[in-house]
Amino acid sequence: MCLTDHLGAVDVPFTQAEKDAAVNFHNEIRANVTPTASNMQKMVWDDNLAKVAAKWARQCQFGHDKNRSQPELNKYGLPVEQNMGAGHSSLTGAINLWYQELPLWVFGKWTGATGHYIAEIYHASSRIGCGHAKCNDIFGNYWICNYFAGAYSNVDPYEQGASCSKCPNSCDASGKLCDCGGKFCTNGGTLDLNTCKCQCPRLWTGDECEALDCPKKRDFEEYCTYSTFTPETFCPTATVNDAYAKVCPIRCGICPGDQTG
């Protein structure tokens, strides 16, 4: 994020106790949603999210950062959500203000008036990082929290059901939150909340589906050998996540292999 700090902005780093308080407050909110959530994940602190949040706080702008992702998270292909507060005396004060949108929220209905609260309770937001800056304006304090992965508009923030029913083997001590330590899966992998393992799609393997798992021989899919199927026609900008590259990875040059296999 190539931004110049606002003149006079002062970065105010959080103590470990403040970080813990922010995470614990969020987890308390998440654990006690009504109706109960079957797939609510436990949050952990993320220094990369916090670094970007602090940079935006030092802009002293009453608004949201539109470029709040970072290379460390881009590999997951998921959005980063953001809550912003100004004028509060503490981070927990800002978090509590966002929580005060609860009376306006109804499960199954999306409204812009409850966006801050939804960011706090989105089931897949298992990482949080916040920043604080003091600015020479009427607000004085700017508080930013970034969440990963971020909520999508018009999508329920969690699945309604008995607490931890989607993750009986990874349920935390509260009995209400799925605890996979903030883990995510790359390249289209799906996190199994019960085992905290990634279920990887074809061509991928590894703890986060980060490693190519190429076939040892040439693709056997019949249409990969059609005369009309040429790399120039179907794979001009093929990446490992493109449909044709997944089906014909050797033909598309994603995986090594000979022409006869």
Protein backbone atom coordinates (compact mmCIF):
# COMPACT_ATOMS: atom_id res chain seq x y z
CA MET A 1 0.00 0.00 0.00
CA CYS A 2 1.93 3.05 -1.28
CA LEU A 3 0.32 5.82 0.77
CA THR A 4 1.87 8.80 2.49
CA ASP A 5 0.85 9.20 6.11
CA HIS A 6 -1.28 12.22 6.94
CA LEU A 7 0.75 15.13 8.28
CA GLY A 8 0.83 14.84 12.04
CA ALA A 9 -0.51 11.29 12.20
CA VAL A 10 1.07 9.25 14.98
CA ASP A 11 1.08 5.47 14.95
CA VAL A 12 0.00 3.97 18.28
CA PRO A 13 1.06 0.30 18.47
CA PHE A 14 -1.08 -2.08 20.50
CA THR A 15 0.23 -3.94 23.49
CA GLN A 16 -0.19 -7.70 23.55
CA ALA A 17 -2.91 -7.23 26.15
CA GLU A 18 -4.81 -4.93 23.79
CA LYS A 19 -4.49 -7.40 20.92
CA ASP A 20 -5.73 -10.21 23.15
CA ALA A 21 -8.64 -8.08 24.34
CA ALA A 22 -9.70 -7.31 20.77
CA VAL A 23 -9.56 -10.97 19.74
CA ASN A 24 -11.33 -12.15 22.88
CA PHE A 25 -14.08 -9.54 22.52
CA HIS A 26 -14.72 -10.61 18.94
CA ASN A 27 -14.75 -14.28 19.90
CA GLU A 28 -17.21 -13.57 22.70
CA ILE A 29 -19.51 -11.82 20.22
CA ARG A 30 -19.14 -14.66 17.70
CA ALA A 31 -19.75 -17.37 20.29
CA ASN A 32 -23.01 -15.84 21.42
CA VAL A 33 -24.81 -15.08 18.17
CA THR A 34 -28.55 -15.64 18.00
CA PRO A 35 -29.62 -17.88 16.37
CA THR A 36 -26.68 -20.14 17.15
CA ALA A 37 -24.07 -20.91 14.48
CA SER A 38 -22.99 -24.37 13.37
CA ASN A 39 -19.83 -23.17 11.58
CA MET A 40 -18.57 -20.09 13.43
CA GLN A 41 -14.76 -20.00 13.40
CA LYS A 42 -12.60 -18.75 16.23
CA MET A 43 -10.54 -15.64 15.45
CA VAL A 44 -6.79 -15.22 15.84
CA TRP A 45 -4.61 -12.11 15.49
CA ASP A 46 -2.86 -11.55 12.15
CA ASP A 47 0.11 -9.15 12.04
CA ASN A 48 -0.15 -8.66 8.27
CA LEU A 49 -3.76 -7.51 8.56
CA ALA A 50 -2.75 -5.26 11.46
CA LYS A 51 0.08 -3.68 9.48
CA VAL A 52 -2.24 -2.67 6.64
CA ALA A 53 -4.90 -1.50 9.11
CA ALA A 54 -2.38 0.73 10.90
CA LYS A 55 -1.23 2.24 7.62
CA TRP A 56 -4.80 3.17 6.74
CA ALA A 57 -5.40 4.57 10.23
CA ARG A 58 -2.48 6.95 9.64
CA GLN A 59 -4.30 8.40 6.63
CA CYS A 60 -6.73 10.03 9.10
CA GLN A 61 -9.61 9.50 6.68
CA PHE A 62 -13.17 8.86 7.76
CA GLY A 63 -13.73 6.04 5.30
CA HIS A 64 -12.57 2.62 4.16
CA ASP A 65 -9.38 1.51 2.46
CA LYS A 66 -10.27 0.11 -0.97
CA ASN A 67 -6.88 -1.64 -1.32
CA ARG A 68 -6.68 -3.46 1.98
CA SER A 69 -5.47 -6.87 0.82
CA GLN A 70 -1.80 -7.88 0.67
CA PRO A 71 0.38 -10.46 -1.12
CA GLU A 72 0.38 -12.76 1.90
CA LEU A 73 -3.39 -13.17 1.57
CA ASN A 74 -3.93 -12.72 -2.18
CA LYS A 75 -3.02 -16.37 -2.73
CA TYR A 76 -6.27 -17.42 -1.08
CA GLY A 77 -8.41 -15.44 -3.53
CA LEU A 78 -10.72 -14.16 -0.79
CA PRO A 79 -11.70 -10.61 0.22
CA VAL A 80 -10.58 -8.63 3.24
CA GLU A 81 -13.33 -6.87 5.20
CA GLN A 82 -12.78 -3.69 7.20
CA ASN A 83 -14.42 -1.86 10.10
CA MET A 84 -13.50 1.73 10.87
CA GLY A 85 -14.17 3.89 13.90
CA ALA A 86 -13.10 7.39 14.93
CA GLY A 87 -13.17 9.35 18.15
CA HIS A 88 -13.31 6.42 20.57
CA SER A 89 -10.94 6.23 23.51
CA SER A 90 -10.08 2.54 23.06
CA LEU A 91 -10.13 -0.28 20.53
CA THR A 92 -12.65 -2.23 22.57
CA GLY A 93 -14.81 0.89 22.57
CA ALA A 94 -14.82 0.90 18.78
CA ILE A 95 -15.55 -2.83 18.66
CA ASN A 96 -18.43 -2.33 21.05
CA LEU A 97 -19.88 0.47 18.93
CA TRP A 98 -19.93 -1.83 15.88
CA TYR A 99 -21.60 -4.46 18.05
CA GLN A 100 -24.38 -2.00 18.89
CA GLU A 101 -25.82 -2.61 15.41
CA LEU A 102 -27.09 -5.96 16.72
CA PRO A 103 -30.68 -4.76 17.45
CA LEU A 104 -31.01 -3.75 13.78
CA TRP A 105 -29.87 -7.15 12.48
CA VAL A 106 -32.17 -10.02 11.55
CA PHE A 107 -30.77 -13.36 10.41
CA GLY A 108 -31.53 -13.90 6.73
CA LYS A 109 -31.83 -10.19 5.94
CA TRP A 110 -28.94 -8.05 4.73
CA THR A 111 -28.96 -4.32 5.42
CA GLY A 112 -26.21 -1.75 5.07
CA ALA A 113 -27.02 -0.49 8.55
CA THR A 114 -25.58 -3.67 10.10
CA GLY A 115 -22.42 -4.06 8.01
CA HIS A 116 -20.05 -3.51 10.93
CA TYR A 117 -21.75 -6.16 13.04
CA ILE A 118 -21.85 -8.61 10.13
CA ALA A 119 -18.09 -8.14 9.70
CA GLU A 120 -17.65 -9.15 13.34
CA ILE A 121 -19.71 -12.34 13.01
CA TYR A 122 -18.93 -13.60 9.49
CA HIS A 123 -18.21 -17.29 10.04
CA ALA A 124 -15.05 -17.51 7.89
CA SER A 125 -13.41 -14.40 9.35
CA SER A 126 -10.88 -16.33 11.40
CA ARG A 127 -8.12 -13.71 11.25
CA ILE A 128 -8.19 -10.14 12.52
CA GLY A 129 -5.65 -7.33 12.65
CA CYS A 130 -6.25 -3.78 13.85
CA GLY A 131 -4.46 -0.43 13.78
CA HIS A 132 -4.64 2.84 15.72
CA ALA A 133 -3.42 6.33 14.90
CA LYS A 134 -3.74 9.70 16.59
CA CYS A 135 -4.61 12.53 14.21
CA ASN A 136 -4.81 16.29 14.50
CA ASP A 137 -8.51 16.65 13.72
CA ILE A 138 -11.88 16.65 15.46
CA PHE A 139 -11.86 12.86 15.90
CA GLY A 140 -8.39 12.49 17.34
CA ASN A 141 -8.30 8.67 17.30
CA TYR A 142 -8.77 6.43 14.28
CA TRP A 143 -9.37 2.71 14.76
CA ILE A 144 -9.23 0.21 11.90
CA CYS A 145 -9.83 -3.55 12.02
CA ASN A 146 -9.29 -5.76 8.99
CA TYR A 147 -10.91 -9.19 8.81
CA PHE A 148 -10.00 -12.21 6.69
CA ALA A 149 -11.84 -13.71 5.00
CA GLY A 150 -14.37 -10.94 4.51
CA ALA A 151 -18.12 -11.23 4.30
CA TYR A 152 -20.01 -11.16 1.02
CA SER A 153 -23.06 -8.95 0.52
CA ASN A 154 -26.46 -10.61 0.62
CA VAL A 155 -25.02 -13.84 2.05
CA ASP A 156 -25.91 -15.09 5.53
CA PRO A 157 -22.91 -14.54 7.82
CA TYR A 158 -23.08 -18.11 9.12
CA GLU A 159 -25.06 -21.34 8.97
CA GLN A 160 -27.81 -21.58 11.53
CA GLY A 161 -27.63 -24.71 13.70
CA ALA A 162 -26.39 -26.15 16.97
CA SER A 163 -23.09 -24.58 18.03
CA CYS A 164 -20.07 -26.45 16.64
CA SER A 165 -22.26 -29.03 14.89
CA LYS A 166 -20.05 -28.61 11.81
CA CYS A 167 -16.87 -29.10 13.81
CA PRO A 168 -17.31 -31.42 16.82
CA ASN A 169 -13.64 -32.44 16.68
CA SER A 170 -12.25 -28.88 16.52
CA CYS A 171 -14.70 -27.13 18.83
CA ASP A 172 -13.00 -24.79 21.32
CA ALA A 173 -13.37 -24.78 25.09
CA SER A 174 -16.44 -22.56 24.91
CA GLY A 175 -18.24 -25.26 22.95
CA LYS A 176 -19.33 -22.68 20.40
CA LEU A 177 -16.43 -21.90 18.02
CA CYS A 178 -14.59 -24.00 15.43
CA ASP A 179 -10.87 -23.59 16.14
CA CYS A 180 -8.60 -24.25 13.16
CA GLY A 181 -6.09 -21.57 14.12
CA GLY A 182 -6.99 -19.20 11.29
CA LYS A 183 -6.16 -21.74 8.60
CA PHE A 184 -7.13 -21.22 4.94
CA CYS A 185 -6.76 -23.22 1.74
CA THR A 186 -5.31 -21.98 -1.55
CA ASN A 187 -6.16 -22.82 -5.16
CA GLY A 188 -9.81 -23.59 -4.61
CA GLY A 189 -9.29 -25.93 -1.67
CA THR A 190 -12.00 -26.27 0.96
CA LEU A 191 -11.29 -26.25 4.69
CA ASP A 192 -12.92 -29.12 6.57
CA LEU A 193 -13.82 -27.45 9.86
CA ASN A 194 -14.08 -30.76 11.67
CA THR A 195 -10.58 -31.99 10.80
CA CYS A 196 -8.99 -28.59 10.04
CA LYS A 197 -7.57 -30.12 6.86
CA CYS A 198 -7.81 -28.76 3.33
CA GLN A 199 -9.70 -30.79 0.77
CA CYS A 200 -7.72 -30.04 -2.38
CA PRO A 201 -9.05 -29.97 -5.95
CA ARG A 202 -7.44 -31.80 -8.83
CA LEU A 203 -3.80 -30.83 -9.48
CA TRP A 204 -3.17 -29.66 -5.93
CA THR A 205 -1.85 -31.16 -2.72
CA GLY A 206 -0.18 -30.04 0.49
CA ASP A 207 -1.33 -28.64 3.82
CA GLU A 208 -2.93 -25.59 2.15
CA CYS A 209 -3.26 -27.09 -1.36
CA GLU A 210 -0.21 -25.03 -2.26
CA ALA A 211 1.78 -27.66 -4.18
CA LEU A 212 1.14 -28.83 -7.74
CA ASP A 213 0.25 -32.51 -7.99
CA CYS A 214 0.95 -33.14 -11.67
CA PRO A 215 0.07 -36.37 -13.46
CA LYS A 216 3.04 -38.55 -14.35
CA LYS A 217 1.74 -39.13 -17.87
CA ARG A 218 0.05 -37.06 -20.49
CA ASP A 219 -3.65 -36.26 -19.94
CA PHE A 220 -5.98 -39.05 -20.97
CA GLU A 221 -9.06 -36.84 -21.37
CA GLU A 222 -10.12 -37.50 -24.94
CA TYR A 223 -10.95 -33.97 -25.96
CA CYS A 224 -7.47 -32.78 -24.97
CA THR A 225 -6.25 -34.45 -28.16
CA TYR A 226 -8.93 -33.04 -30.47
CA SER A 227 -7.43 -31.23 -33.43
CA THR A 228 -9.47 -28.16 -32.49
CA PHE A 229 -8.03 -28.14 -28.99
CA THR A 230 -4.75 -26.30 -29.21
CA PRO A 231 -2.92 -24.35 -26.54
CA GLU A 232 -3.14 -21.30 -28.77
CA THR A 233 -6.94 -21.58 -28.86
CA PHE A 234 -7.81 -22.67 -25.33
CA CYS A 235 -4.79 -21.83 -23.18
CA PRO A 236 -3.47 -18.44 -24.35
CA THR A 237 -3.29 -17.12 -20.78
CA ALA A 238 -3.88 -20.36 -18.89
CA THR A 239 -3.22 -20.38 -15.17
CA VAL A 240 -3.49 -23.29 -12.79
CA ASN A 241 -6.98 -22.19 -11.83
CA ASP A 242 -8.40 -21.95 -15.35
CA ALA A 243 -10.91 -24.62 -16.31
CA TYR A 244 -8.99 -26.00 -19.29
CA ALA A 245 -5.71 -25.97 -17.42
CA LYS A 246 -7.25 -28.09 -14.68
CA VAL A 247 -8.51 -30.66 -17.17
CA CYS A 248 -5.52 -30.59 -19.53
CA PRO A 249 -2.61 -29.32 -17.44
CA ILE A 250 0.12 -30.80 -19.63
CA ARG A 251 -1.50 -29.65 -22.86
CA CYS A 252 -1.76 -26.16 -21.38
CA GLY A 253 1.84 -26.16 -20.19
CA ILE A 254 1.02 -26.08 -16.48
CA CYS A 255 2.58 -29.49 -15.80
CA PRO A 256 5.58 -31.13 -17.48
CA GLY A 257 4.96 -34.09 -19.78
CA ASP A 258 5.65 -35.55 -23.20
CA GLN A 259 3.32 -35.48 -26.20
CA THR A 260 2.46 -39.16 -26.19
CA GLY A 261 2.27 -40.07 -22.47
